[in-house]
């Protein structure tokens, strides 16, 4: 009996210690989690690009924002949507963007860095063939709609009964305000960013935008749960999300003409154009410019080095009239320059 009591008491003490340690670790995790300075709802939105769109929030450089983001149809294609909802869609509501956010320190000529800290999936998404939109409109003129459940824990979705797809969520549209009073469509990418639809810009990426108007006026939306390079049918897995990001103003650095970004593994530039050739040439030129401006290398050597280790990638071919091409350059080489 005494042995049983001592054994039981020892077990109880052991289990208690495990619980205390587990609770301590959980508490530390909670304490070290990044807490946003500001929260934006999906209702704080617009769907054009212009310097005349008033900001929904004003922050200082370094602010962390948690933004709720609607999917590309702004709720028209919901979790129970049918083909008729697609056929009758109001294209005037497409691309609700959460923002804009005005950054006090941002001046024209600066760079606005956007650190993508956390991207949280929601529980559904949709994909469609939209008549007249996509890379192969002649072959696929009829509309089609698929609704997908999203496993937010395992970050997967079922394409059909057989095919499971791992998800790599990102925001298809990110950008600053262009220096125009015109209300520009969000469909094509431009120098301010916009509808870049680049599946490389995932959580952990830092994206750099040229500041074109005072305050920057940053907006984000058109979130994709997964997308292949090209987005050939015109849509990705369009899904609402919650994205936490940090805004930082960078001054006294070489100017950039169009968005650039980096991960732990590579630095990337983007180039848009109304043909793949034009977009690709811009991307190569921008990478040469970046290397020459930031490292001890001639433009000729930079050009040759890009031919050896630079990777051109087609981000999208459907956001008319512009396509987007990127070049990725490995940091394992940059560290040797």
Protein backbone atom coordinates (compact mmCIF):
# COMPACT_ATOMS: atom_id res chain seq x y z
CA UNK A 1 0.00 0.00 0.00
CA UNK A 2 2.76 2.45 0.90
CA UNK A 3 4.57 1.61 -2.36
CA UNK A 4 1.41 2.27 -4.34
CA UNK A 5 0.93 5.60 -2.57
CA UNK A 6 4.52 6.72 -3.21
CA UNK A 7 4.30 5.58 -6.84
CA UNK A 8 1.01 7.39 -7.36
CA UNK A 9 2.31 10.51 -5.67
CA UNK A 10 5.38 10.45 -7.90
CA UNK A 11 3.24 10.12 -10.99
CA UNK A 12 1.04 12.99 -9.90
CA UNK A 13 4.07 15.22 -9.29
CA UNK A 14 5.54 14.28 -12.67
CA UNK A 15 2.30 15.03 -14.51
CA UNK A 16 1.95 18.32 -12.61
CA UNK A 17 5.46 19.39 -13.62
CA UNK A 18 4.75 18.52 -17.26
CA UNK A 19 1.57 20.61 -17.15
CA UNK A 20 3.42 23.56 -15.59
CA UNK A 21 6.18 23.40 -18.22
CA UNK A 22 3.64 23.10 -21.05
CA UNK A 23 1.68 26.09 -19.74
CA UNK A 24 4.89 28.11 -19.40
CA UNK A 25 5.89 27.32 -22.97
CA UNK A 26 2.40 28.26 -24.20
CA UNK A 27 2.58 31.51 -22.25
CA UNK A 28 6.00 32.34 -23.74
CA UNK A 29 4.67 31.62 -27.21
CA UNK A 30 1.74 33.95 -26.61
CA UNK A 31 4.01 36.68 -25.23
CA UNK A 32 6.39 36.51 -28.20
CA UNK A 33 3.62 36.48 -30.83
CA UNK A 34 3.64 39.65 -32.88
CA UNK A 35 0.78 41.88 -31.85
CA UNK A 36 -0.63 44.32 -34.39
CA UNK A 37 -0.67 48.05 -33.73
CA UNK A 38 -3.80 48.44 -35.87
CA UNK A 39 -6.60 46.24 -37.18
CA UNK A 40 -8.46 46.87 -40.44
CA UNK A 41 -11.78 45.24 -41.31
CA UNK A 42 -12.67 43.97 -44.77
CA UNK A 43 -15.24 46.79 -44.96
CA UNK A 44 -12.45 49.38 -45.03
CA UNK A 45 -11.97 48.91 -48.73
CA UNK A 46 -11.82 50.36 -52.25
CA UNK A 47 -11.25 48.82 -55.67
CA UNK A 48 -9.39 51.39 -57.73
CA UNK A 49 -5.90 52.88 -57.66
CA UNK A 50 -5.61 56.67 -57.37
CA UNK A 51 -3.93 59.23 -55.17
CA UNK A 52 -7.38 60.73 -54.51
CA UNK A 53 -8.64 57.71 -52.54
CA UNK A 54 -8.55 58.82 -48.89
CA UNK A 55 -6.68 56.67 -46.37
CA UNK A 56 -8.61 54.56 -43.87
CA UNK A 57 -5.63 54.62 -41.50
CA UNK A 58 -2.56 56.78 -40.84
CA UNK A 59 0.50 55.16 -39.24
CA UNK A 60 4.17 55.77 -38.59
CA UNK A 61 6.97 53.75 -40.12
CA UNK A 62 7.31 50.37 -38.42
CA UNK A 63 3.61 49.95 -37.69
CA UNK A 64 2.14 46.45 -37.81
CA UNK A 65 -1.32 46.10 -39.34
CA UNK A 66 -3.67 43.13 -39.24
CA UNK A 67 -6.00 43.31 -42.24
CA UNK A 68 -9.13 41.30 -42.97
CA UNK A 69 -9.44 40.80 -46.72
CA UNK A 70 -12.41 39.75 -48.84
CA UNK A 71 -11.94 37.41 -51.79
CA UNK A 72 -11.85 38.84 -55.31
CA UNK A 73 -15.64 38.88 -55.90
CA UNK A 74 -16.33 40.78 -52.65
CA UNK A 75 -18.70 38.12 -51.37
CA UNK A 76 -20.62 37.47 -54.57
CA UNK A 77 -19.06 34.01 -54.94
CA UNK A 78 -19.53 32.70 -51.41
CA UNK A 79 -19.17 29.19 -50.00
CA UNK A 80 -22.60 28.15 -51.35
CA UNK A 81 -22.41 30.01 -54.67
CA UNK A 82 -23.78 28.43 -57.85
CA UNK A 83 -23.00 28.90 -61.53
CA UNK A 84 -25.78 31.51 -61.84
CA UNK A 85 -23.93 33.65 -59.28
CA UNK A 86 -20.89 33.62 -61.56
CA UNK A 87 -22.96 34.32 -64.68
CA UNK A 88 -24.64 37.30 -62.98
CA UNK A 89 -21.56 38.64 -61.22
CA UNK A 90 -21.14 42.41 -60.91
CA UNK A 91 -17.64 43.10 -62.22
CA UNK A 92 -17.81 46.60 -60.74
CA UNK A 93 -17.21 45.04 -57.31
CA UNK A 94 -14.16 42.99 -58.29
CA UNK A 95 -10.94 43.33 -56.26
CA UNK A 96 -11.93 44.88 -52.93
CA UNK A 97 -8.65 46.11 -51.43
CA UNK A 98 -8.24 46.73 -47.72
CA UNK A 99 -6.79 50.20 -47.27
CA UNK A 100 -5.26 52.53 -48.22
CA UNK A 101 -2.84 53.11 -45.36
CA UNK A 102 -0.97 56.42 -45.17
CA UNK A 103 2.57 56.24 -43.74
CA UNK A 104 3.59 59.60 -42.26
CA UNK A 105 7.29 59.43 -43.11
CA UNK A 106 6.83 58.26 -46.72
CA UNK A 107 7.92 60.82 -49.32
CA UNK A 108 8.08 60.57 -53.09
CA UNK A 109 11.28 58.76 -54.07
CA UNK A 110 11.42 56.69 -50.88
CA UNK A 111 10.91 52.94 -50.77
CA UNK A 112 8.03 51.40 -48.82
CA UNK A 113 8.92 47.98 -47.43
CA UNK A 114 6.07 45.61 -46.64
CA UNK A 115 7.02 42.67 -44.39
CA UNK A 116 4.46 39.88 -44.77
CA UNK A 117 4.44 38.54 -41.22
CA UNK A 118 1.47 36.19 -41.17
CA UNK A 119 -1.08 34.95 -43.72
CA UNK A 120 -4.11 33.20 -42.23
CA UNK A 121 -6.32 31.07 -44.44
CA UNK A 122 -10.12 31.05 -44.19
CA UNK A 123 -12.26 27.98 -44.77
CA UNK A 124 -13.30 28.23 -48.41
CA UNK A 125 -12.26 29.43 -51.83
CA UNK A 126 -13.51 29.45 -55.41
CA UNK A 127 -12.04 29.12 -58.88
CA UNK A 128 -13.76 29.95 -62.13
CA UNK A 129 -13.50 30.11 -65.86
CA UNK A 130 -14.95 33.50 -66.78
CA UNK A 131 -16.06 33.89 -70.39
CA UNK A 132 -13.77 36.29 -72.25
CA UNK A 133 -11.10 36.27 -69.53
CA UNK A 134 -8.07 34.00 -69.30
CA UNK A 135 -5.20 32.92 -71.53
CA UNK A 136 -7.23 30.54 -73.72
CA UNK A 137 -10.53 32.36 -74.13
CA UNK A 138 -11.15 30.95 -77.61
CA UNK A 139 -10.93 27.38 -76.38
CA UNK A 140 -12.87 27.92 -73.14
CA UNK A 141 -15.67 30.43 -73.78
CA UNK A 142 -18.19 28.93 -71.32
CA UNK A 143 -18.26 29.80 -67.60
CA UNK A 144 -17.46 27.23 -64.92
CA UNK A 145 -17.36 27.58 -61.13
CA UNK A 146 -15.75 25.34 -58.51
CA UNK A 147 -16.16 25.91 -54.77
CA UNK A 148 -13.46 24.40 -52.55
CA UNK A 149 -13.36 23.70 -48.84
CA UNK A 150 -10.03 24.65 -47.29
CA UNK A 151 -8.33 22.63 -44.58
CA UNK A 152 -6.85 25.54 -42.65
CA UNK A 153 -4.92 23.27 -40.27
CA UNK A 154 -3.08 21.22 -42.88
CA UNK A 155 -3.21 23.98 -45.52
CA UNK A 156 -4.63 21.79 -48.26
CA UNK A 157 -7.68 21.60 -50.48
CA UNK A 158 -9.22 18.91 -52.66
CA UNK A 159 -9.39 19.82 -56.35
CA UNK A 160 -11.67 16.81 -56.84
CA UNK A 161 -12.13 13.37 -55.23
CA UNK A 162 -8.60 12.35 -56.18
CA UNK A 163 -6.34 15.40 -56.17
CA UNK A 164 -5.15 17.05 -52.95
CA UNK A 165 -3.31 20.35 -53.40
CA UNK A 166 -0.99 21.95 -50.83
CA UNK A 167 -1.77 25.63 -50.34
CA UNK A 168 0.67 28.54 -50.58
CA UNK A 169 -1.41 31.62 -49.75
CA UNK A 170 -0.49 35.12 -50.87
CA UNK A 171 -2.05 38.43 -51.87
CA UNK A 172 -2.53 38.83 -55.61
CA UNK A 173 -2.88 42.62 -55.34
CA UNK A 174 -0.54 44.81 -53.31
CA UNK A 175 0.40 48.33 -54.14
CA UNK A 176 0.88 51.98 -53.38
CA UNK A 177 -1.10 54.78 -54.97
CA UNK A 178 -0.03 55.89 -58.45
CA UNK A 179 0.60 59.58 -59.04
CA UNK A 180 -2.67 60.18 -60.84
CA UNK A 181 -6.11 61.54 -60.04
CA UNK A 182 -7.63 59.04 -62.47
CA UNK A 183 -9.41 56.07 -60.90
CA UNK A 184 -7.40 53.23 -62.44
CA UNK A 185 -8.62 49.65 -62.77
CA UNK A 186 -6.99 47.16 -60.42
CA UNK A 187 -6.79 44.47 -63.10
CA UNK A 188 -3.32 45.08 -64.63
CA UNK A 189 -0.02 45.39 -62.73
CA UNK A 190 1.77 48.73 -63.03
CA UNK A 191 4.76 50.58 -61.55
CA UNK A 192 2.85 50.96 -58.27
CA UNK A 193 2.44 47.17 -57.98
CA UNK A 194 -1.23 46.30 -58.16
CA UNK A 195 -2.38 42.98 -59.58
CA UNK A 196 1.02 41.29 -59.72
CA UNK A 197 -0.41 37.80 -59.04
CA UNK A 198 3.05 36.50 -58.14
CA UNK A 199 2.82 33.19 -56.22
CA UNK A 200 6.33 33.71 -54.84
CA UNK A 201 5.20 36.57 -52.56
CA UNK A 202 4.20 34.36 -49.62
CA UNK A 203 4.44 34.74 -45.85
CA UNK A 204 7.94 35.76 -44.80
CA UNK A 205 8.59 37.81 -47.95
CA UNK A 206 9.44 41.51 -47.85
CA UNK A 207 8.10 43.49 -50.80
CA UNK A 208 9.52 46.89 -51.82
CA UNK A 209 7.43 49.53 -53.56
CA UNK A 210 8.50 52.89 -55.01
CA UNK A 211 6.70 55.68 -53.16
CA UNK A 212 4.93 57.66 -55.87
CA UNK A 213 2.83 60.01 -53.70
CA UNK A 214 3.29 61.35 -50.19
CA UNK A 215 2.23 58.82 -47.59
CA UNK A 216 2.51 55.89 -49.99
CA UNK A 217 -1.15 54.87 -49.57
CA UNK A 218 -0.68 51.10 -49.39
CA UNK A 219 -3.51 48.65 -50.13
CA UNK A 220 -3.76 44.86 -50.21
CA UNK A 221 -6.29 42.31 -51.50
CA UNK A 222 -7.22 39.64 -54.07
CA UNK A 223 -5.91 36.88 -51.80
CA UNK A 224 -5.10 33.52 -53.38
CA UNK A 225 -4.88 30.26 -51.44
CA UNK A 226 -2.83 28.71 -54.24
CA UNK A 227 -1.86 29.65 -57.79
CA UNK A 228 0.50 28.37 -60.44
CA UNK A 229 2.90 30.67 -62.26
CA UNK A 230 0.92 32.28 -65.06
CA UNK A 231 -2.58 31.95 -63.52
CA UNK A 232 -3.53 30.72 -66.98
CA UNK A 233 -7.30 30.27 -66.65
CA UNK A 234 -7.62 33.77 -65.18
CA UNK A 235 -8.37 32.83 -61.57
CA UNK A 236 -6.49 31.24 -58.71
CA UNK A 237 -8.11 29.67 -55.66
CA UNK A 238 -9.74 32.93 -54.62
CA UNK A 239 -10.25 33.03 -50.87
CA UNK A 240 -10.75 35.54 -48.05
CA UNK A 241 -7.78 35.82 -45.66
CA UNK A 242 -6.32 37.67 -42.73
CA UNK A 243 -2.86 39.15 -43.34
CA UNK A 244 -0.57 40.77 -40.79
CA UNK A 245 2.11 43.01 -42.26
CA UNK A 246 4.60 45.69 -41.23
CA UNK A 247 5.17 48.94 -43.13
CA UNK A 248 8.66 50.46 -43.13
CA UNK A 249 9.90 53.54 -44.94
CA UNK A 250 13.40 53.24 -46.44
CA UNK A 251 15.24 56.44 -47.27
CA UNK A 252 18.59 57.23 -48.86
CA UNK A 253 18.71 53.98 -50.84
CA UNK A 254 18.96 53.62 -54.63
CA UNK A 255 15.53 54.27 -56.12
CA UNK A 256 13.50 51.47 -57.69
CA UNK A 257 11.18 51.90 -60.65
CA UNK A 258 8.83 48.96 -59.98
CA UNK A 259 8.26 46.55 -57.08
CA UNK A 260 11.00 44.25 -55.89
CA UNK A 261 11.04 41.65 -53.12
CA UNK A 262 13.21 39.27 -51.17
CA UNK A 263 13.10 36.08 -49.14
CA UNK A 264 15.79 34.35 -47.10
CA UNK A 265 16.96 32.62 -50.27
CA UNK A 266 16.83 35.16 -53.09
CA UNK A 267 16.31 38.76 -54.18
CA UNK A 268 13.74 39.39 -56.93
CA UNK A 269 12.72 42.17 -59.29
CA UNK A 270 9.48 42.53 -61.25
CA UNK A 271 8.76 43.92 -64.69
CA UNK A 272 5.39 44.45 -66.35
CA UNK A 273 4.67 44.85 -70.05
CA UNK A 274 2.00 44.20 -72.64
CA UNK A 275 4.09 41.31 -73.99
CA UNK A 276 6.25 38.70 -72.28
CA UNK A 277 9.29 40.01 -74.18
CA UNK A 278 8.84 43.55 -72.87
CA UNK A 279 8.21 42.41 -69.32
CA UNK A 280 11.19 40.02 -69.36
CA UNK A 281 13.59 42.66 -70.71
CA UNK A 282 12.51 45.07 -67.99
CA UNK A 283 13.06 42.41 -65.31
CA UNK A 284 16.58 41.66 -66.57
CA UNK A 285 17.45 45.36 -66.75
CA UNK A 286 16.09 45.96 -63.25
CA UNK A 287 18.18 43.12 -61.83
CA UNK A 288 21.32 44.46 -63.51
CA UNK A 289 20.51 47.92 -62.11
CA UNK A 290 20.01 46.45 -58.62
CA UNK A 291 23.33 44.58 -58.69
CA UNK A 292 25.32 47.55 -59.99
CA UNK A 293 23.74 50.00 -57.50
CA UNK A 294 24.21 47.79 -54.43
CA UNK A 295 27.32 45.69 -55.09
CA UNK A 296 30.84 46.07 -56.47
CA UNK A 297 30.14 44.77 -59.96
CA UNK A 298 30.10 46.25 -63.47
CA UNK A 299 26.98 46.22 -65.59
CA UNK A 300 28.64 43.85 -68.09
CA UNK A 301 29.54 41.36 -65.35
CA UNK A 302 26.09 41.74 -63.80
CA UNK A 303 24.50 40.93 -67.17
CA UNK A 304 26.68 37.85 -67.58
CA UNK A 305 26.08 36.71 -64.01
CA UNK A 306 22.31 37.02 -64.50
CA UNK A 307 22.69 34.66 -67.45
CA UNK A 308 24.35 32.07 -65.19
CA UNK A 309 22.31 32.21 -61.96
CA UNK A 310 19.31 34.50 -62.52
CA UNK A 311 15.93 32.84 -63.02
CA UNK A 312 13.21 34.48 -65.09
CA UNK A 313 9.69 33.49 -64.03
CA UNK A 314 6.31 34.34 -65.54
CA UNK A 315 4.07 35.44 -62.68
CA UNK A 316 0.91 36.06 -64.70
CA UNK A 317 -0.22 36.25 -68.33
CA UNK A 318 -3.90 37.18 -67.92
CA UNK A 319 -4.19 40.60 -66.27
CA UNK A 320 -4.75 42.54 -69.47
CA UNK A 321 -3.18 44.54 -70.89
CA UNK A 322 -0.08 43.76 -68.82
CA UNK A 323 1.86 40.60 -68.01
CA UNK A 324 4.36 40.28 -65.16
CA UNK A 325 7.79 38.65 -65.30
CA UNK A 326 10.21 38.39 -62.40
CA UNK A 327 13.88 37.54 -62.02
CA UNK A 328 15.12 35.71 -58.92
CA UNK A 329 18.77 36.00 -57.95
CA UNK A 330 20.19 33.66 -55.25
CA UNK A 331 21.53 35.21 -52.06
CA UNK A 332 24.19 32.51 -51.94
CA UNK A 333 25.77 34.41 -54.85
CA UNK A 334 24.98 37.90 -53.52
CA UNK A 335 26.96 37.17 -50.36
CA UNK A 336 30.06 36.62 -52.51
CA UNK A 337 29.86 39.95 -54.34
